[in-house]
Amino acid sequence: MRRFGRRELLRGLGAAVALPALEAWGARAAPMRMAFIGVPNGVNLSRWRPTGVGRDFALGPTFAPVASFKRDLQIFSGFAQHNAEALGDGGGDHARANAAFLTGCHPRKTGGANIRNGISVDQVAAQGIGHLTRLPSLELICMKTRRSGSCDSGYSCAYEYNLSWASETLPMPAEANPRLVFERLFGSGRPAER
């Protein structure tokens, strides 16, 4: 009887998980996907930003681990969001920047329930192509969240912890628990399917 190594087993499990999806797609093309990743106030820009233009750009030290993929990268810059600025509201840079990141809107400064932002680009895409996938959108976060109250200089926690907005007043709460994400992705269905 042949014994399998851990890596070989994991590769096989990955293929086993993918097979039902491949059968379901048949000859159709894979559904379109997109991802938005926010790193609010979380990088040292002088070490992050590449220098140069076009194919001759040089990666900053933070990008060193992906240097072998340089020819596959397309890096955009110059997308500062004016509505993430204070615009007379005073402090609250973290919450305001998160709220404006995918919406392009300046959020109403409030610590109460009368929040107002804009629909985010990921939810616009989910409305257009979300029917092609099992889940129209999936919002993830790496930390526990607060969904109410004032979190940042008079801005609601809804702004600070939600990048995705279904409407001006409805944030799409992000999930931090990997187990719950797994259940959402693979947990439904008959026991044999699970």
N, C-alpha and C. Protein backbone atom coordinates (compact mmCIF):
# COMPACT_ATOMS: atom_id res chain seq x y z
N MET A 1 0.85 -1.18 0.00
CA MET A 1 0.00 0.00 0.00
C MET A 1 0.89 1.25 0.00
N ARG A 2 0.62 2.20 -0.89
CA ARG A 2 1.42 3.41 -1.02
C ARG A 2 1.02 4.43 0.02
N ARG A 3 1.98 5.08 0.62
CA ARG A 3 1.72 6.15 1.59
C ARG A 3 1.84 7.50 0.87
N PHE A 4 0.98 8.41 1.21
CA PHE A 4 0.98 9.73 0.59
C PHE A 4 1.59 10.74 1.54
N GLY A 5 2.42 11.64 1.00
CA GLY A 5 2.95 12.74 1.78
C GLY A 5 1.89 13.80 1.98
N ARG A 6 2.13 14.69 2.93
CA ARG A 6 1.17 15.74 3.26
C ARG A 6 0.90 16.64 2.05
N ARG A 7 1.94 17.07 1.35
CA ARG A 7 1.74 17.95 0.18
C ARG A 7 0.94 17.27 -0.91
N GLU A 8 1.25 16.00 -1.15
CA GLU A 8 0.54 15.23 -2.18
C GLU A 8 -0.93 15.10 -1.81
N LEU A 9 -1.19 14.86 -0.53
CA LEU A 9 -2.57 14.75 -0.05
C LEU A 9 -3.30 16.08 -0.24
N LEU A 10 -2.65 17.19 0.14
CA LEU A 10 -3.30 18.50 0.00
C LEU A 10 -3.58 18.83 -1.47
N ARG A 11 -2.64 18.50 -2.37
CA ARG A 11 -2.88 18.72 -3.80
C ARG A 11 -4.10 17.92 -4.26
N GLY A 12 -4.19 16.68 -3.82
CA GLY A 12 -5.32 15.83 -4.18
C GLY A 12 -6.63 16.36 -3.65
N LEU A 13 -6.60 16.86 -2.41
CA LEU A 13 -7.82 17.44 -1.83
C LEU A 13 -8.26 18.67 -2.61
N GLY A 14 -7.28 19.50 -3.01
CA GLY A 14 -7.61 20.69 -3.81
C GLY A 14 -8.30 20.29 -5.10
N ALA A 15 -7.80 19.26 -5.76
CA ALA A 15 -8.43 18.79 -7.00
C ALA A 15 -9.81 18.23 -6.71
N ALA A 16 -9.96 17.53 -5.60
CA ALA A 16 -11.26 16.94 -5.26
C ALA A 16 -12.30 18.03 -5.00
N VAL A 17 -11.88 19.12 -4.36
CA VAL A 17 -12.81 20.22 -4.10
C VAL A 17 -13.18 20.90 -5.41
N ALA A 18 -12.24 20.99 -6.34
CA ALA A 18 -12.49 21.69 -7.61
C ALA A 18 -13.34 20.87 -8.58
N LEU A 19 -13.30 19.55 -8.50
CA LEU A 19 -14.00 18.72 -9.48
C LEU A 19 -15.50 19.00 -9.59
N PRO A 20 -16.24 19.08 -8.47
CA PRO A 20 -17.68 19.37 -8.63
C PRO A 20 -17.93 20.70 -9.34
N ALA A 21 -17.09 21.69 -9.06
CA ALA A 21 -17.25 22.98 -9.71
C ALA A 21 -16.97 22.86 -11.21
N LEU A 22 -15.94 22.12 -11.57
CA LEU A 22 -15.61 21.95 -12.98
C LEU A 22 -16.74 21.25 -13.73
N GLU A 23 -17.33 20.22 -13.10
CA GLU A 23 -18.45 19.52 -13.74
C GLU A 23 -19.63 20.46 -13.93
N ALA A 24 -19.88 21.31 -12.93
CA ALA A 24 -21.01 22.23 -13.00
C ALA A 24 -20.83 23.25 -14.12
N TRP A 25 -19.58 23.66 -14.38
CA TRP A 25 -19.34 24.64 -15.43
C TRP A 25 -19.46 24.03 -16.82
N GLY A 26 -19.17 22.78 -16.93
CA GLY A 26 -19.23 22.14 -18.24
C GLY A 26 -18.32 22.85 -19.22
N ALA A 27 -18.83 23.16 -20.39
CA ALA A 27 -18.04 23.81 -21.43
C ALA A 27 -18.07 25.33 -21.32
N ARG A 28 -18.83 25.86 -20.36
CA ARG A 28 -18.92 27.31 -20.21
C ARG A 28 -17.60 27.89 -19.75
N ALA A 29 -17.42 29.16 -20.02
CA ALA A 29 -16.24 29.86 -19.54
C ALA A 29 -16.39 30.11 -18.04
N ALA A 30 -15.28 30.23 -17.37
CA ALA A 30 -15.29 30.53 -15.93
C ALA A 30 -15.93 31.90 -15.71
N PRO A 31 -16.67 32.07 -14.61
CA PRO A 31 -17.30 33.37 -14.36
C PRO A 31 -16.26 34.45 -14.11
N MET A 32 -16.62 35.66 -14.45
CA MET A 32 -15.74 36.80 -14.21
C MET A 32 -15.64 37.04 -12.71
N ARG A 33 -14.46 37.38 -12.27
CA ARG A 33 -14.23 37.66 -10.85
C ARG A 33 -13.47 38.98 -10.72
N MET A 34 -13.60 39.61 -9.58
CA MET A 34 -12.81 40.80 -9.27
C MET A 34 -12.59 40.84 -7.78
N ALA A 35 -11.52 41.50 -7.39
CA ALA A 35 -11.20 41.61 -5.97
C ALA A 35 -10.71 43.02 -5.68
N PHE A 36 -11.10 43.54 -4.55
CA PHE A 36 -10.63 44.83 -4.07
C PHE A 36 -10.02 44.57 -2.70
N ILE A 37 -8.80 45.04 -2.51
CA ILE A 37 -8.10 44.80 -1.26
C ILE A 37 -7.74 46.15 -0.65
N GLY A 38 -8.20 46.37 0.55
CA GLY A 38 -7.90 47.62 1.24
C GLY A 38 -6.84 47.40 2.30
N VAL A 39 -5.87 48.29 2.35
CA VAL A 39 -4.85 48.28 3.40
C VAL A 39 -4.83 49.70 3.96
N PRO A 40 -5.87 50.06 4.71
CA PRO A 40 -6.01 51.45 5.13
C PRO A 40 -4.89 51.89 6.08
N ASN A 41 -4.17 52.92 5.66
CA ASN A 41 -3.07 53.48 6.45
C ASN A 41 -2.12 52.40 6.94
N GLY A 42 -1.90 51.39 6.11
CA GLY A 42 -1.13 50.25 6.56
C GLY A 42 0.16 49.98 5.82
N VAL A 43 0.66 50.90 5.02
CA VAL A 43 1.93 50.66 4.33
C VAL A 43 2.82 51.88 4.47
N ASN A 44 4.12 51.64 4.43
CA ASN A 44 5.10 52.70 4.40
C ASN A 44 5.27 53.05 2.93
N LEU A 45 4.67 54.14 2.49
CA LEU A 45 4.60 54.46 1.07
C LEU A 45 5.97 54.59 0.41
N SER A 46 6.97 55.07 1.12
CA SER A 46 8.28 55.22 0.49
C SER A 46 8.90 53.86 0.17
N ARG A 47 8.51 52.81 0.89
CA ARG A 47 9.02 51.46 0.61
C ARG A 47 8.05 50.67 -0.28
N TRP A 48 6.85 51.13 -0.42
CA TRP A 48 5.80 50.43 -1.17
C TRP A 48 5.78 50.82 -2.64
N ARG A 49 5.76 52.12 -2.91
CA ARG A 49 5.60 52.63 -4.27
C ARG A 49 6.78 52.24 -5.17
N PRO A 50 6.47 51.76 -6.36
CA PRO A 50 7.55 51.52 -7.32
C PRO A 50 8.03 52.86 -7.88
N THR A 51 9.21 52.84 -8.47
CA THR A 51 9.72 54.04 -9.13
C THR A 51 9.85 53.74 -10.62
N GLY A 52 9.72 54.77 -11.43
CA GLY A 52 9.80 54.59 -12.87
C GLY A 52 8.43 54.41 -13.48
N VAL A 53 8.43 54.36 -14.82
CA VAL A 53 7.18 54.28 -15.57
C VAL A 53 7.30 53.18 -16.63
N GLY A 54 6.19 52.56 -16.95
CA GLY A 54 6.19 51.52 -17.98
C GLY A 54 6.88 50.26 -17.50
N ARG A 55 7.43 49.50 -18.43
CA ARG A 55 8.06 48.22 -18.09
C ARG A 55 9.37 48.38 -17.33
N ASP A 56 9.92 49.57 -17.31
CA ASP A 56 11.21 49.79 -16.65
C ASP A 56 11.09 50.17 -15.18
N PHE A 57 9.93 50.02 -14.60
CA PHE A 57 9.77 50.42 -13.20
C PHE A 57 10.59 49.51 -12.27
N ALA A 58 10.94 50.05 -11.11
CA ALA A 58 11.67 49.30 -10.10
C ALA A 58 10.75 49.13 -8.89
N LEU A 59 10.66 47.92 -8.38
CA LEU A 59 9.82 47.64 -7.23
C LEU A 59 10.45 48.18 -5.96
N GLY A 60 9.59 48.65 -5.04
CA GLY A 60 10.07 49.08 -3.74
C GLY A 60 10.43 47.87 -2.89
N PRO A 61 11.15 48.06 -1.79
CA PRO A 61 11.57 46.94 -0.94
C PRO A 61 10.42 46.07 -0.42
N THR A 62 9.26 46.64 -0.22
CA THR A 62 8.12 45.86 0.27
C THR A 62 7.69 44.81 -0.75
N PHE A 63 7.91 45.08 -2.03
CA PHE A 63 7.53 44.16 -3.10
C PHE A 63 8.57 43.07 -3.38
N ALA A 64 9.67 43.07 -2.65
CA ALA A 64 10.75 42.11 -2.92
C ALA A 64 10.26 40.66 -3.03
N PRO A 65 9.34 40.20 -2.19
CA PRO A 65 8.90 38.80 -2.29
C PRO A 65 8.21 38.45 -3.62
N VAL A 66 7.70 39.43 -4.35
CA VAL A 66 7.02 39.13 -5.61
C VAL A 66 7.81 39.61 -6.83
N ALA A 67 9.09 39.90 -6.63
CA ALA A 67 9.92 40.43 -7.72
C ALA A 67 9.95 39.49 -8.93
N SER A 68 9.88 38.19 -8.70
CA SER A 68 9.92 37.25 -9.84
C SER A 68 8.66 37.35 -10.70
N PHE A 69 7.61 38.00 -10.21
CA PHE A 69 6.37 38.17 -10.97
C PHE A 69 6.27 39.57 -11.58
N LYS A 70 7.34 40.34 -11.54
CA LYS A 70 7.30 41.73 -11.99
C LYS A 70 6.69 41.89 -13.37
N ARG A 71 7.02 41.02 -14.31
CA ARG A 71 6.50 41.15 -15.68
C ARG A 71 4.98 40.91 -15.74
N ASP A 72 4.41 40.30 -14.69
CA ASP A 72 2.97 40.03 -14.66
C ASP A 72 2.19 41.09 -13.89
N LEU A 73 2.89 42.04 -13.30
CA LEU A 73 2.24 43.07 -12.49
C LEU A 73 1.86 44.28 -13.33
N GLN A 74 0.74 44.85 -12.99
CA GLN A 74 0.34 46.12 -13.57
C GLN A 74 -0.02 47.01 -12.40
N ILE A 75 0.78 48.01 -12.16
CA ILE A 75 0.62 48.84 -10.97
C ILE A 75 0.10 50.21 -11.39
N PHE A 76 -0.97 50.62 -10.75
CA PHE A 76 -1.58 51.92 -11.02
C PHE A 76 -1.27 52.85 -9.86
N SER A 77 -1.13 54.11 -10.15
CA SER A 77 -0.91 55.10 -9.09
C SER A 77 -1.67 56.37 -9.44
N GLY A 78 -1.65 57.31 -8.51
CA GLY A 78 -2.30 58.59 -8.75
C GLY A 78 -3.80 58.57 -8.57
N PHE A 79 -4.30 57.64 -7.77
CA PHE A 79 -5.73 57.54 -7.56
C PHE A 79 -6.16 58.10 -6.21
N ALA A 80 -5.55 59.16 -5.76
CA ALA A 80 -5.94 59.78 -4.49
C ALA A 80 -7.42 60.14 -4.56
N GLN A 81 -8.13 59.90 -3.49
CA GLN A 81 -9.57 60.12 -3.45
C GLN A 81 -9.86 61.43 -2.70
N HIS A 82 -10.28 62.44 -3.44
CA HIS A 82 -10.57 63.75 -2.84
C HIS A 82 -11.61 63.64 -1.72
N ASN A 83 -12.60 62.80 -1.88
CA ASN A 83 -13.66 62.67 -0.87
C ASN A 83 -13.20 61.96 0.40
N ALA A 84 -11.97 61.46 0.43
CA ALA A 84 -11.42 60.90 1.66
C ALA A 84 -10.75 62.00 2.49
N GLU A 85 -10.61 63.18 1.92
CA GLU A 85 -10.04 64.32 2.65
C GLU A 85 -11.07 64.84 3.66
N ALA A 86 -10.62 65.63 4.61
CA ALA A 86 -11.51 66.13 5.67
C ALA A 86 -12.64 67.00 5.13
N LEU A 87 -12.35 67.83 4.14
CA LEU A 87 -13.36 68.73 3.56
C LEU A 87 -14.15 69.47 4.64
N GLY A 88 -13.44 69.93 5.67
CA GLY A 88 -14.05 70.69 6.75
C GLY A 88 -14.58 69.86 7.90
N ASP A 89 -14.49 68.56 7.84
CA ASP A 89 -15.03 67.69 8.89
C ASP A 89 -14.06 67.46 10.05
N GLY A 90 -12.83 67.89 9.95
CA GLY A 90 -11.87 67.64 11.03
C GLY A 90 -11.31 66.24 10.97
N GLY A 91 -10.99 65.69 12.14
CA GLY A 91 -10.37 64.37 12.24
C GLY A 91 -11.28 63.25 11.74
N GLY A 92 -10.71 62.06 11.68
CA GLY A 92 -11.48 60.89 11.25
C GLY A 92 -10.93 60.28 9.97
N ASP A 93 -9.64 60.46 9.74
CA ASP A 93 -9.03 60.00 8.48
C ASP A 93 -9.24 58.52 8.20
N HIS A 94 -9.12 57.66 9.21
CA HIS A 94 -9.24 56.21 8.98
C HIS A 94 -10.64 55.84 8.50
N ALA A 95 -11.64 56.26 9.23
CA ALA A 95 -13.02 55.92 8.87
C ALA A 95 -13.41 56.56 7.54
N ARG A 96 -13.03 57.81 7.34
CA ARG A 96 -13.39 58.53 6.11
C ARG A 96 -12.72 57.89 4.89
N ALA A 97 -11.46 57.50 5.02
CA ALA A 97 -10.74 56.88 3.90
C ALA A 97 -11.36 55.53 3.55
N ASN A 98 -11.71 54.74 4.55
CA ASN A 98 -12.35 53.44 4.28
C ASN A 98 -13.69 53.64 3.58
N ALA A 99 -14.46 54.62 4.04
CA ALA A 99 -15.78 54.86 3.46
C ALA A 99 -15.68 55.33 2.00
N ALA A 100 -14.67 56.10 1.69
CA ALA A 100 -14.54 56.65 0.33
C ALA A 100 -13.83 55.71 -0.63
N PHE A 101 -13.12 54.72 -0.12
CA PHE A 101 -12.26 53.86 -0.93
C PHE A 101 -12.96 53.28 -2.15
N LEU A 102 -14.08 52.62 -2.00
CA LEU A 102 -14.79 51.99 -3.12
C LEU A 102 -16.05 52.75 -3.53
N THR A 103 -16.43 53.75 -2.76
CA THR A 103 -17.65 54.49 -3.10
C THR A 103 -17.36 55.79 -3.83
N GLY A 104 -16.21 56.39 -3.55
CA GLY A 104 -15.91 57.70 -4.12
C GLY A 104 -16.70 58.82 -3.48
N CYS A 105 -17.39 58.51 -2.38
CA CYS A 105 -18.26 59.49 -1.71
C CYS A 105 -17.65 59.97 -0.40
N HIS A 106 -17.98 61.18 -0.03
CA HIS A 106 -17.59 61.72 1.27
C HIS A 106 -18.70 61.33 2.25
N PRO A 107 -18.41 60.50 3.26
CA PRO A 107 -19.46 60.04 4.17
C PRO A 107 -19.95 61.15 5.10
N ARG A 108 -21.20 61.03 5.50
CA ARG A 108 -21.75 61.96 6.49
C ARG A 108 -21.05 61.70 7.82
N LYS A 109 -20.54 62.75 8.45
CA LYS A 109 -19.87 62.59 9.74
C LYS A 109 -20.93 62.46 10.82
N THR A 110 -21.04 61.24 11.32
CA THR A 110 -21.98 60.95 12.39
C THR A 110 -21.52 59.72 13.14
N GLY A 111 -21.78 59.70 14.42
CA GLY A 111 -21.51 58.52 15.23
C GLY A 111 -22.80 57.77 15.50
N GLY A 112 -23.88 58.23 14.92
CA GLY A 112 -25.20 57.62 15.15
C GLY A 112 -25.63 56.71 14.00
N ALA A 113 -26.93 56.47 13.98
CA ALA A 113 -27.50 55.56 12.98
C ALA A 113 -27.78 56.24 11.65
N ASN A 114 -27.65 57.57 11.58
CA ASN A 114 -27.98 58.29 10.34
C ASN A 114 -26.78 58.35 9.38
N ILE A 115 -26.17 57.21 9.16
CA ILE A 115 -25.02 57.12 8.25
C ILE A 115 -25.46 57.37 6.81
N ARG A 116 -24.57 57.91 6.01
CA ARG A 116 -24.83 58.12 4.59
C ARG A 116 -23.50 58.08 3.86
N ASN A 117 -23.41 57.19 2.90
CA ASN A 117 -22.23 57.04 2.07
C ASN A 117 -22.72 56.87 0.64
N GLY A 118 -22.16 55.99 -0.13
CA GLY A 118 -22.63 55.72 -1.48
C GLY A 118 -22.48 54.24 -1.77
N ILE A 119 -23.09 53.78 -2.84
CA ILE A 119 -22.94 52.37 -3.22
C ILE A 119 -21.50 52.16 -3.70
N SER A 120 -20.90 51.06 -3.32
CA SER A 120 -19.50 50.79 -3.67
C SER A 120 -19.41 50.05 -5.01
N VAL A 121 -18.26 50.22 -5.67
CA VAL A 121 -18.06 49.65 -7.00
C VAL A 121 -18.19 48.12 -6.99
N ASP A 122 -17.79 47.46 -5.91
CA ASP A 122 -17.92 46.00 -5.86
C ASP A 122 -19.38 45.58 -5.88
N GLN A 123 -20.25 46.38 -5.27
CA GLN A 123 -21.68 46.05 -5.26
C GLN A 123 -22.34 46.38 -6.59
N VAL A 124 -21.83 47.39 -7.28
CA VAL A 124 -22.30 47.66 -8.64
C VAL A 124 -21.97 46.45 -9.52
N ALA A 125 -20.73 45.94 -9.37
CA ALA A 125 -20.32 44.75 -10.13
C ALA A 125 -21.16 43.54 -9.72
N ALA A 126 -21.42 43.38 -8.43
CA ALA A 126 -22.22 42.24 -7.95
C ALA A 126 -23.62 42.27 -8.56
N GLN A 127 -24.18 43.46 -8.73
CA GLN A 127 -25.50 43.57 -9.36
C GLN A 127 -25.45 43.15 -10.82
N GLY A 128 -24.31 43.41 -11.48
CA GLY A 128 -24.20 43.10 -12.90
C GLY A 128 -23.76 41.68 -13.22
N ILE A 129 -22.83 41.14 -12.42
CA ILE A 129 -22.29 39.80 -12.73
C ILE A 129 -22.42 38.81 -11.58
N GLY A 130 -22.98 39.24 -10.46
CA GLY A 130 -23.08 38.38 -9.29
C GLY A 130 -23.92 37.13 -9.51
N HIS A 131 -24.84 37.17 -10.44
CA HIS A 131 -25.69 36.00 -10.72
C HIS A 131 -24.90 34.86 -11.37
N LEU A 132 -23.68 35.13 -11.82
CA LEU A 132 -22.86 34.11 -12.46
C LEU A 132 -22.08 33.24 -11.46
N THR A 133 -22.09 33.63 -10.21
CA THR A 133 -21.36 32.89 -9.18
C THR A 133 -22.31 32.50 -8.05
N ARG A 134 -21.88 31.58 -7.23
CA ARG A 134 -22.73 31.12 -6.13
C ARG A 134 -23.05 32.25 -5.17
N LEU A 135 -22.06 33.08 -4.85
CA LEU A 135 -22.27 34.24 -4.00
C LEU A 135 -21.99 35.49 -4.83
N PRO A 136 -22.91 36.43 -4.88
CA PRO A 136 -22.67 37.64 -5.67
C PRO A 136 -21.46 38.43 -5.19
N SER A 137 -21.23 38.43 -3.87
CA SER A 137 -20.06 39.11 -3.32
C SER A 137 -19.71 38.47 -1.99
N LEU A 138 -18.46 38.62 -1.62
CA LEU A 138 -17.97 38.05 -0.37
C LEU A 138 -17.06 39.08 0.27
N GLU A 139 -17.44 39.57 1.42
CA GLU A 139 -16.69 40.61 2.11
C GLU A 139 -15.94 39.98 3.28
N LEU A 140 -14.62 40.17 3.31
CA LEU A 140 -13.77 39.59 4.33
C LEU A 140 -12.99 40.68 5.04
N ILE A 141 -12.63 40.40 6.28
CA ILE A 141 -11.83 41.34 7.08
C ILE A 141 -10.92 40.53 7.98
N CYS A 142 -9.81 41.09 8.39
CA CYS A 142 -8.84 40.36 9.20
C CYS A 142 -8.97 40.61 10.69
N MET A 143 -9.90 41.44 11.10
CA MET A 143 -10.05 41.75 12.53
C MET A 143 -11.52 41.77 12.91
N LYS A 144 -11.76 41.71 14.19
CA LYS A 144 -13.14 41.82 14.65
C LYS A 144 -13.64 43.23 14.38
N THR A 145 -14.93 43.34 14.15
CA THR A 145 -15.49 44.64 13.79
C THR A 145 -16.47 45.15 14.83
N ARG A 146 -16.73 46.42 14.74
CA ARG A 146 -17.81 47.06 15.49
C ARG A 146 -18.78 47.59 14.46
N ARG A 147 -20.04 47.41 14.67
CA ARG A 147 -21.03 47.82 13.66
C ARG A 147 -21.81 49.06 14.04
N SER A 148 -21.61 49.53 15.25
CA SER A 148 -22.34 50.73 15.65
C SER A 148 -21.47 51.56 16.58
N GLY A 149 -21.93 52.78 16.84
CA GLY A 149 -21.19 53.68 17.71
C GLY A 149 -20.21 54.52 16.93
N SER A 150 -19.50 55.36 17.67
CA SER A 150 -18.52 56.26 17.07
C SER A 150 -17.14 55.66 17.25
N CYS A 151 -16.41 55.48 16.16
CA CYS A 151 -15.09 54.84 16.22
C CYS A 151 -13.94 55.79 15.95
N ASP A 152 -14.11 56.81 15.15
CA ASP A 152 -12.98 57.62 14.73
C ASP A 152 -13.38 59.09 14.65
N SER A 153 -13.12 59.83 15.70
CA SER A 153 -13.31 61.29 15.73
C SER A 153 -14.70 61.72 15.25
N GLY A 154 -15.73 61.00 15.69
CA GLY A 154 -17.10 61.36 15.35
C GLY A 154 -17.66 60.63 14.15
N TYR A 155 -16.87 59.75 13.51
CA TYR A 155 -17.38 58.94 12.40
C TYR A 155 -17.85 57.59 12.91
N SER A 156 -18.95 57.13 12.39
CA SER A 156 -19.53 55.85 12.78
C SER A 156 -18.58 54.69 12.51
N CYS A 157 -18.67 53.67 13.34
CA CYS A 157 -17.90 52.43 13.13
C CYS A 157 -18.29 51.77 11.81
N ALA A 158 -19.49 52.04 11.32
CA ALA A 158 -19.92 51.47 10.03
C ALA A 158 -18.98 51.92 8.92
N TYR A 159 -18.46 53.13 9.01
CA TYR A 159 -17.53 53.62 7.99
C TYR A 159 -16.15 52.96 8.15
N GLU A 160 -15.72 52.82 9.38
CA GLU A 160 -14.37 52.31 9.62
C GLU A 160 -14.21 50.83 9.28
N TYR A 161 -15.27 50.04 9.45
CA TYR A 161 -15.15 48.59 9.29
C TYR A 161 -15.83 48.02 8.05
N ASN A 162 -16.33 48.86 7.17
CA ASN A 162 -17.00 48.36 5.97
C ASN A 162 -16.53 49.11 4.74
N LEU A 163 -15.87 48.41 3.83
CA LEU A 163 -15.46 49.01 2.56
C LEU A 163 -16.56 48.89 1.52
N SER A 164 -17.44 47.93 1.71
CA SER A 164 -18.46 47.59 0.73
C SER A 164 -19.83 48.11 1.19
N TRP A 165 -20.53 48.78 0.27
CA TRP A 165 -21.83 49.37 0.58
C TRP A 165 -22.85 49.01 -0.49
N ALA A 166 -23.97 48.40 -0.07
CA ALA A 166 -25.05 48.03 -0.99
C ALA A 166 -25.90 49.23 -1.38
N SER A 167 -25.97 50.23 -0.50
CA SER A 167 -26.70 51.46 -0.77
C SER A 167 -26.08 52.56 0.07
N GLU A 168 -26.64 53.75 0.00
CA GLU A 168 -26.10 54.88 0.78
C GLU A 168 -26.16 54.63 2.29
N THR A 169 -27.07 53.79 2.72
CA THR A 169 -27.26 53.57 4.16
C THR A 169 -27.04 52.12 4.59
N LEU A 170 -26.63 51.25 3.68
CA LEU A 170 -26.50 49.83 4.01
C LEU A 170 -25.10 49.29 3.71
N PRO A 171 -24.24 49.25 4.75
CA PRO A 171 -22.93 48.64 4.54
C PRO A 171 -23.06 47.13 4.47
N MET A 172 -22.14 46.48 3.76
CA MET A 172 -22.09 45.02 3.66
C MET A 172 -21.10 44.54 4.71
N PRO A 173 -21.58 44.04 5.85
CA PRO A 173 -20.67 43.65 6.92
C PRO A 173 -19.69 42.56 6.47
N ALA A 174 -18.43 42.74 6.83
CA ALA A 174 -17.39 41.79 6.47
C ALA A 174 -17.25 40.73 7.55
N GLU A 175 -16.84 39.53 7.14
CA GLU A 175 -16.68 38.39 8.05
C GLU A 175 -15.20 38.18 8.37
N ALA A 176 -14.87 38.04 9.65
CA ALA A 176 -13.49 37.82 10.09
C ALA A 176 -13.20 36.37 10.45
N ASN A 177 -14.24 35.58 10.70
CA ASN A 177 -14.06 34.22 11.16
C ASN A 177 -13.89 33.27 9.97
N PRO A 178 -12.69 32.66 9.79
CA PRO A 178 -12.47 31.77 8.65
C PRO A 178 -13.44 30.60 8.59
N ARG A 179 -13.83 30.08 9.73
CA ARG A 179 -14.77 28.95 9.77
C ARG A 179 -16.12 29.36 9.18
N LEU A 180 -16.60 30.54 9.54
CA LEU A 180 -17.88 31.01 9.02
C LEU A 180 -17.80 31.29 7.52
N VAL A 181 -16.65 31.77 7.05
CA VAL A 181 -16.46 31.97 5.61
C VAL A 181 -16.51 30.63 4.89
N PHE A 182 -15.83 29.63 5.45
CA PHE A 182 -15.83 28.29 4.85
C PHE A 182 -17.26 27.74 4.79
N GLU A 183 -18.00 27.88 5.89
CA GLU A 183 -19.39 27.40 5.93
C GLU A 183 -20.24 28.11 4.88
N ARG A 184 -20.00 29.40 4.72
CA ARG A 184 -20.77 30.14 3.72
C ARG A 184 -20.45 29.66 2.31
N LEU A 185 -19.18 29.37 2.06
CA LEU A 185 -18.77 28.92 0.73
C LEU A 185 -19.15 27.47 0.45
N PHE A 186 -18.96 26.58 1.44
CA PHE A 186 -19.10 25.15 1.19
C PHE A 186 -20.09 24.43 2.09
N GLY A 187 -20.70 25.15 3.04
CA GLY A 187 -21.49 24.50 4.07
C GLY A 187 -22.90 24.08 3.72
N SER A 188 -23.48 24.61 2.68
CA SER A 188 -24.85 24.24 2.36
C SER A 188 -24.87 23.01 1.47
N GLY A 189 -25.99 22.41 1.40
CA GLY A 189 -26.13 21.22 0.57
C GLY A 189 -26.35 19.97 1.42
N ARG A 190 -26.51 18.87 0.75
CA ARG A 190 -26.73 17.59 1.44
C ARG A 190 -25.44 17.16 2.15
N PRO A 191 -25.55 16.35 3.18
CA PRO A 191 -24.35 15.92 3.92
C PRO A 191 -23.26 15.33 3.00
N ALA A 192 -23.65 14.56 2.00
CA ALA A 192 -22.65 13.97 1.10
C ALA A 192 -21.91 15.06 0.32
N GLU A 193 -22.60 16.16 -0.03
CA GLU A 193 -21.95 17.25 -0.74
C GLU A 193 -20.98 18.01 0.17
N ARG A 194 -21.34 18.12 1.45
CA ARG A 194 -20.48 18.83 2.38
C ARG A 194 -19.21 18.06 2.61
